[in-house]
Amino acid sequence: MPERWFAPILELEAAVAWRERLRTEGKRVVFTNGVFDIVHAGHVAYLAWAREQGDVLLLGVNADESVRALKGPERPLVPFGDRAAVLAALRSVDAVIGFPQRTPEQILDRLKPDVHVKSAQYRLEDLPERAVVGQHGGEIRLAPHVAHKSTTDLIAEIRRRYGP
């Protein structure tokens, strides 16, 4: 597969170096994260909105073990490597990084993004990462939520159509 059409999938130290290089260039780095088990129109709209909040978008993707902790033993449906490759092919995504924790505080502490984007499904005061983002002078922006566009909805529809 032609690598030039894919954003890099970075390990943590490479992502920190990438972020620091961008900082010296005066670029505004946006970070968002999620499971992205079955990529759908809601994800694509969310990521495009997130990318509009700065100069580059670094996307954190939950590793398989953290997906199981968050969503249960039947998830993820798609393994990390495949999820990361699909997301790296999206025009709005400038780099992808995996992380094993349930929530992104540790990775945010290392990457220190200028903007951290979450879905408006969340309340700012309920976000566990709020403190670490603020500690590094970043801001949190809540992206509009696209109703009825979720992996959970897709799985329910597949079950409805094709059986239990």
C-alpha atoms as a PDB file:
ATOM      1  CA  MET A   1       0.000   0.000   0.000  1.00  0.00           C
ATOM      2  CA  PRO A   2       1.439   3.429  -0.941  1.00  0.00           C
ATOM      3  CA  GLU A   3       2.630   4.986   2.328  1.00  0.00           C
ATOM      4  CA  ARG A   4       2.450   8.541   1.004  1.00  0.00           C
ATOM      5  CA  TRP A   5      -1.350   8.463   1.252  1.00  0.00           C
ATOM      6  CA  PHE A   6      -1.320   7.624   4.959  1.00  0.00           C
ATOM      7  CA  ALA A   7      -0.560   9.773   7.977  1.00  0.00           C
ATOM      8  CA  PRO A   8       2.140   8.270  10.194  1.00  0.00           C
ATOM      9  CA  ILE A   9       1.184   5.909  13.016  1.00  0.00           C
ATOM     10  CA  LEU A  10       3.551   6.969  15.780  1.00  0.00           C
ATOM     11  CA  GLU A  11       4.874   5.478  18.982  1.00  0.00           C
ATOM     12  CA  LEU A  12       4.814   7.812  22.005  1.00  0.00           C
ATOM     13  CA  GLU A  13       8.408   9.094  21.837  1.00  0.00           C
ATOM     14  CA  ALA A  14       8.132   9.759  18.098  1.00  0.00           C
ATOM     15  CA  ALA A  15       4.831  11.579  18.697  1.00  0.00           C
ATOM     16  CA  VAL A  16       6.423  13.758  21.392  1.00  0.00           C
ATOM     17  CA  ALA A  17       9.285  14.660  19.006  1.00  0.00           C
ATOM     18  CA  TRP A  18       6.774  15.324  16.187  1.00  0.00           C
ATOM     19  CA  ARG A  19       4.751  17.578  18.468  1.00  0.00           C
ATOM     20  CA  GLU A  20       7.853  19.486  19.623  1.00  0.00           C
ATOM     21  CA  ARG A  21       8.961  20.063  16.020  1.00  0.00           C
ATOM     22  CA  LEU A  22       5.523  21.470  15.235  1.00  0.00           C
ATOM     23  CA  ARG A  23       5.679  23.685  18.329  1.00  0.00           C
ATOM     24  CA  THR A  24       8.968  25.210  17.115  1.00  0.00           C
ATOM     25  CA  GLU A  25       7.268  25.895  13.770  1.00  0.00           C
ATOM     26  CA  GLY A  26       4.500  27.765  15.592  1.00  0.00           C
ATOM     27  CA  LYS A  27       1.829  25.193  14.674  1.00  0.00           C
ATOM     28  CA  ARG A  28      -1.305  24.741  16.783  1.00  0.00           C
ATOM     29  CA  VAL A  29      -1.661  21.024  17.590  1.00  0.00           C
ATOM     30  CA  VAL A  30      -5.092  19.509  18.155  1.00  0.00           C
ATOM     31  CA  PHE A  31      -5.509  16.148  19.871  1.00  0.00           C
ATOM     32  CA  THR A  32      -8.582  13.999  20.097  1.00  0.00           C
ATOM     33  CA  ASN A  33      -9.066  10.362  20.907  1.00  0.00           C
ATOM     34  CA  GLY A  34     -11.443   7.458  20.794  1.00  0.00           C
ATOM     35  CA  VAL A  35     -12.046   3.823  19.968  1.00  0.00           C
ATOM     36  CA  PHE A  36     -13.154   4.219  16.317  1.00  0.00           C
ATOM     37  CA  ASP A  37     -14.121   0.559  16.113  1.00  0.00           C
ATOM     38  CA  ILE A  38     -16.273   0.845  12.979  1.00  0.00           C
ATOM     39  CA  VAL A  39     -15.481   4.165  11.310  1.00  0.00           C
ATOM     40  CA  HIS A  40     -18.699   5.881  10.201  1.00  0.00           C
ATOM     41  CA  ALA A  41     -20.017   9.270   9.047  1.00  0.00           C
ATOM     42  CA  GLY A  42     -20.272  10.552  12.634  1.00  0.00           C
ATOM     43  CA  HIS A  43     -16.556   9.855  13.173  1.00  0.00           C
ATOM     44  CA  VAL A  44     -15.597  11.514   9.898  1.00  0.00           C
ATOM     45  CA  ALA A  45     -17.594  14.674  10.725  1.00  0.00           C
ATOM     46  CA  TYR A  46     -16.127  14.746  14.247  1.00  0.00           C
ATOM     47  CA  LEU A  47     -12.545  14.412  12.993  1.00  0.00           C
ATOM     48  CA  ALA A  48     -13.028  17.077  10.329  1.00  0.00           C
ATOM     49  CA  TRP A  49     -14.404  19.450  12.974  1.00  0.00           C
ATOM     50  CA  ALA A  50     -11.485  18.652  15.287  1.00  0.00           C
ATOM     51  CA  ARG A  51      -8.960  19.318  12.507  1.00  0.00           C
ATOM     52  CA  GLU A  52     -10.502  22.767  11.949  1.00  0.00           C
ATOM     53  CA  GLN A  53      -9.513  23.740  15.504  1.00  0.00           C
ATOM     54  CA  GLY A  54      -5.801  24.045  14.684  1.00  0.00           C
ATOM     55  CA  ASP A  55      -3.032  23.388  12.198  1.00  0.00           C
ATOM     56  CA  VAL A  56      -2.617  19.632  12.659  1.00  0.00           C
ATOM     57  CA  LEU A  57      -4.647  16.805  14.185  1.00  0.00           C
ATOM     58  CA  LEU A  58      -3.025  14.064  16.232  1.00  0.00           C
ATOM     59  CA  LEU A  59      -5.492  11.248  16.787  1.00  0.00           C
ATOM     60  CA  GLY A  60      -5.201   8.983  19.828  1.00  0.00           C
ATOM     61  CA  VAL A  61      -6.735   5.542  19.318  1.00  0.00           C
ATOM     62  CA  ASN A  62      -7.455   3.181  22.191  1.00  0.00           C
ATOM     63  CA  ALA A  63      -5.428  -0.022  22.029  1.00  0.00           C
ATOM     64  CA  ASP A  64      -7.380  -3.277  21.973  1.00  0.00           C
ATOM     65  CA  GLU A  65      -6.982  -3.976  25.703  1.00  0.00           C
ATOM     66  CA  SER A  66      -8.355  -0.560  26.668  1.00  0.00           C
ATOM     67  CA  VAL A  67     -11.279  -1.022  24.260  1.00  0.00           C
ATOM     68  CA  ARG A  68     -12.164  -4.266  26.051  1.00  0.00           C
ATOM     69  CA  ALA A  69     -11.982  -2.434  29.390  1.00  0.00           C
ATOM     70  CA  LEU A  70     -14.259   0.334  28.079  1.00  0.00           C
ATOM     71  CA  LYS A  71     -16.696  -1.569  25.853  1.00  0.00           C
ATOM     72  CA  GLY A  72     -16.634  -5.174  27.070  1.00  0.00           C
ATOM     73  CA  PRO A  73     -15.056  -8.457  25.971  1.00  0.00           C
ATOM     74  CA  GLU A  74     -16.704  -8.542  22.517  1.00  0.00           C
ATOM     75  CA  ARG A  75     -14.981  -5.360  21.418  1.00  0.00           C
ATOM     76  CA  PRO A  76     -13.100  -4.221  19.514  1.00  0.00           C
ATOM     77  CA  LEU A  77     -14.549  -5.735  16.379  1.00  0.00           C
ATOM     78  CA  VAL A  78     -11.612  -4.355  14.388  1.00  0.00           C
ATOM     79  CA  PRO A  79      -8.060  -4.748  15.785  1.00  0.00           C
ATOM     80  CA  PHE A  80      -5.940  -1.690  16.526  1.00  0.00           C
ATOM     81  CA  GLY A  81      -3.671  -1.965  13.476  1.00  0.00           C
ATOM     82  CA  ASP A  82      -6.618  -1.997  11.091  1.00  0.00           C
ATOM     83  CA  ARG A  83      -8.416   0.827  12.916  1.00  0.00           C
ATOM     84  CA  ALA A  84      -5.251   2.940  12.897  1.00  0.00           C
ATOM     85  CA  ALA A  85      -4.651   2.321   9.168  1.00  0.00           C
ATOM     86  CA  VAL A  86      -8.201   3.351   8.206  1.00  0.00           C
ATOM     87  CA  LEU A  87      -7.976   6.502  10.327  1.00  0.00           C
ATOM     88  CA  ALA A  88      -4.506   7.342   8.987  1.00  0.00           C
ATOM     89  CA  ALA A  89      -6.017   7.402   5.485  1.00  0.00           C
ATOM     90  CA  LEU A  90      -8.449  10.207   6.372  1.00  0.00           C
ATOM     91  CA  ARG A  91      -7.522  13.629   5.039  1.00  0.00           C
ATOM     92  CA  SER A  92      -8.317  15.321   8.371  1.00  0.00           C
ATOM     93  CA  VAL A  93      -5.830  13.172  10.337  1.00  0.00           C
ATOM     94  CA  ASP A  94      -2.162  14.223  10.384  1.00  0.00           C
ATOM     95  CA  ALA A  95      -0.851  11.463  12.684  1.00  0.00           C
ATOM     96  CA  VAL A  96      -2.198   8.561  14.750  1.00  0.00           C
ATOM     97  CA  ILE A  97      -0.974   7.232  18.083  1.00  0.00           C
ATOM     98  CA  GLY A  98      -2.240   4.278  20.083  1.00  0.00           C
ATOM     99  CA  PHE A  99      -2.545   4.266  23.848  1.00  0.00           C
ATOM    100  CA  PRO A 100      -3.317   1.451  26.308  1.00  0.00           C
ATOM    101  CA  GLN A 101      -5.120   3.435  29.012  1.00  0.00           C
ATOM    102  CA  ARG A 102      -8.908   3.824  29.215  1.00  0.00           C
ATOM    103  CA  THR A 103      -8.630   7.626  29.169  1.00  0.00           C
ATOM    104  CA  PRO A 104      -5.910   9.848  27.644  1.00  0.00           C
ATOM    105  CA  GLU A 105      -4.504  11.786  30.616  1.00  0.00           C
ATOM    106  CA  GLN A 106      -1.054  10.159  30.459  1.00  0.00           C
ATOM    107  CA  ILE A 107      -0.610  10.728  26.759  1.00  0.00           C
ATOM    108  CA  LEU A 108      -1.944  14.296  27.017  1.00  0.00           C
ATOM    109  CA  ASP A 109       0.595  14.978  29.768  1.00  0.00           C
ATOM    110  CA  ARG A 110       3.410  13.997  27.401  1.00  0.00           C
ATOM    111  CA  LEU A 111       2.055  15.568  24.197  1.00  0.00           C
ATOM    112  CA  LYS A 112       0.773  18.870  25.644  1.00  0.00           C
ATOM    113  CA  PRO A 113      -1.570  19.732  22.765  1.00  0.00           C
ATOM    114  CA  ASP A 114      -2.834  23.255  22.298  1.00  0.00           C
ATOM    115  CA  VAL A 115      -6.409  22.001  21.901  1.00  0.00           C
ATOM    116  CA  HIS A 116      -8.054  18.805  23.098  1.00  0.00           C
ATOM    117  CA  VAL A 117     -11.346  17.994  21.360  1.00  0.00           C
ATOM    118  CA  LYS A 118     -14.124  15.890  22.854  1.00  0.00           C
ATOM    119  CA  SER A 119     -17.685  15.271  21.754  1.00  0.00           C
ATOM    120  CA  ALA A 120     -20.402  17.569  23.069  1.00  0.00           C
ATOM    121  CA  GLN A 121     -21.940  14.359  24.469  1.00  0.00           C
ATOM    122  CA  TYR A 122     -19.614  15.035  27.401  1.00  0.00           C
ATOM    123  CA  ARG A 123     -19.792  17.795  29.962  1.00  0.00           C
ATOM    124  CA  LEU A 124     -16.559  19.703  30.428  1.00  0.00           C
ATOM    125  CA  GLU A 125     -16.646  19.306  34.200  1.00  0.00           C
ATOM    126  CA  ASP A 126     -16.925  15.502  33.855  1.00  0.00           C
ATOM    127  CA  LEU A 127     -13.821  15.047  31.675  1.00  0.00           C
ATOM    128  CA  PRO A 128     -11.009  13.344  33.614  1.00  0.00           C
ATOM    129  CA  GLU A 129      -8.439  14.899  31.251  1.00  0.00           C
ATOM    130  CA  ARG A 130      -9.559  18.471  31.976  1.00  0.00           C
ATOM    131  CA  ALA A 131      -6.931  19.056  34.669  1.00  0.00           C
ATOM    132  CA  VAL A 132      -3.925  17.867  32.645  1.00  0.00           C
ATOM    133  CA  VAL A 133      -4.946  19.865  29.560  1.00  0.00           C
ATOM    134  CA  GLY A 134      -5.321  23.022  31.657  1.00  0.00           C
ATOM    135  CA  GLN A 135      -2.054  22.366  33.483  1.00  0.00           C
ATOM    136  CA  HIS A 136      -0.181  22.682  30.175  1.00  0.00           C
ATOM    137  CA  GLY A 137      -2.079  25.772  29.034  1.00  0.00           C
ATOM    138  CA  GLY A 138      -4.259  23.910  26.550  1.00  0.00           C
ATOM    139  CA  GLU A 139      -7.960  24.293  25.985  1.00  0.00           C
ATOM    140  CA  ILE A 140     -10.778  21.813  25.539  1.00  0.00           C
ATOM    141  CA  ARG A 141     -13.330  22.291  22.790  1.00  0.00           C
ATOM    142  CA  LEU A 142     -16.527  20.282  22.504  1.00  0.00           C
ATOM    143  CA  ALA A 143     -17.377  19.130  18.981  1.00  0.00           C
ATOM    144  CA  PRO A 144     -21.004  18.994  17.858  1.00  0.00           C
ATOM    145  CA  HIS A 145     -22.456  15.523  18.257  1.00  0.00           C
ATOM    146  CA  VAL A 146     -23.993  13.839  15.213  1.00  0.00           C
ATOM    147  CA  ALA A 147     -27.113  12.094  16.531  1.00  0.00           C
ATOM    148  CA  HIS A 148     -27.797   8.481  15.560  1.00  0.00           C
ATOM    149  CA  LYS A 149     -24.316   8.012  14.112  1.00  0.00           C
ATOM    150  CA  SER A 150     -22.439   5.735  16.461  1.00  0.00           C
ATOM    151  CA  THR A 151     -20.791   2.342  16.460  1.00  0.00           C
ATOM    152  CA  THR A 152     -23.292   1.218  19.095  1.00  0.00           C
ATOM    153  CA  ASP A 153     -26.145   2.224  16.776  1.00  0.00           C
ATOM    154  CA  LEU A 154     -24.529   0.373  13.862  1.00  0.00           C
ATOM    155  CA  ILE A 155     -24.071  -2.804  15.884  1.00  0.00           C
ATOM    156  CA  ALA A 156     -27.704  -2.634  17.060  1.00  0.00           C
ATOM    157  CA  GLU A 157     -28.905  -2.222  13.468  1.00  0.00           C
ATOM    158  CA  ILE A 158     -26.790  -5.154  12.272  1.00  0.00           C
ATOM    159  CA  ARG A 159     -28.213  -7.314  15.052  1.00  0.00           C
ATOM    160  CA  ARG A 160     -31.756  -6.185  14.234  1.00  0.00           C
ATOM    161  CA  ARG A 161     -31.335  -6.985  10.550  1.00  0.00           C
ATOM    162  CA  TYR A 162     -29.286 -10.163  10.739  1.00  0.00           C
ATOM    163  CA  GLY A 163     -30.256 -11.719  14.041  1.00  0.00           C
ATOM    164  CA  PRO A 164     -28.774 -12.030  17.482  1.00  0.00           C
END
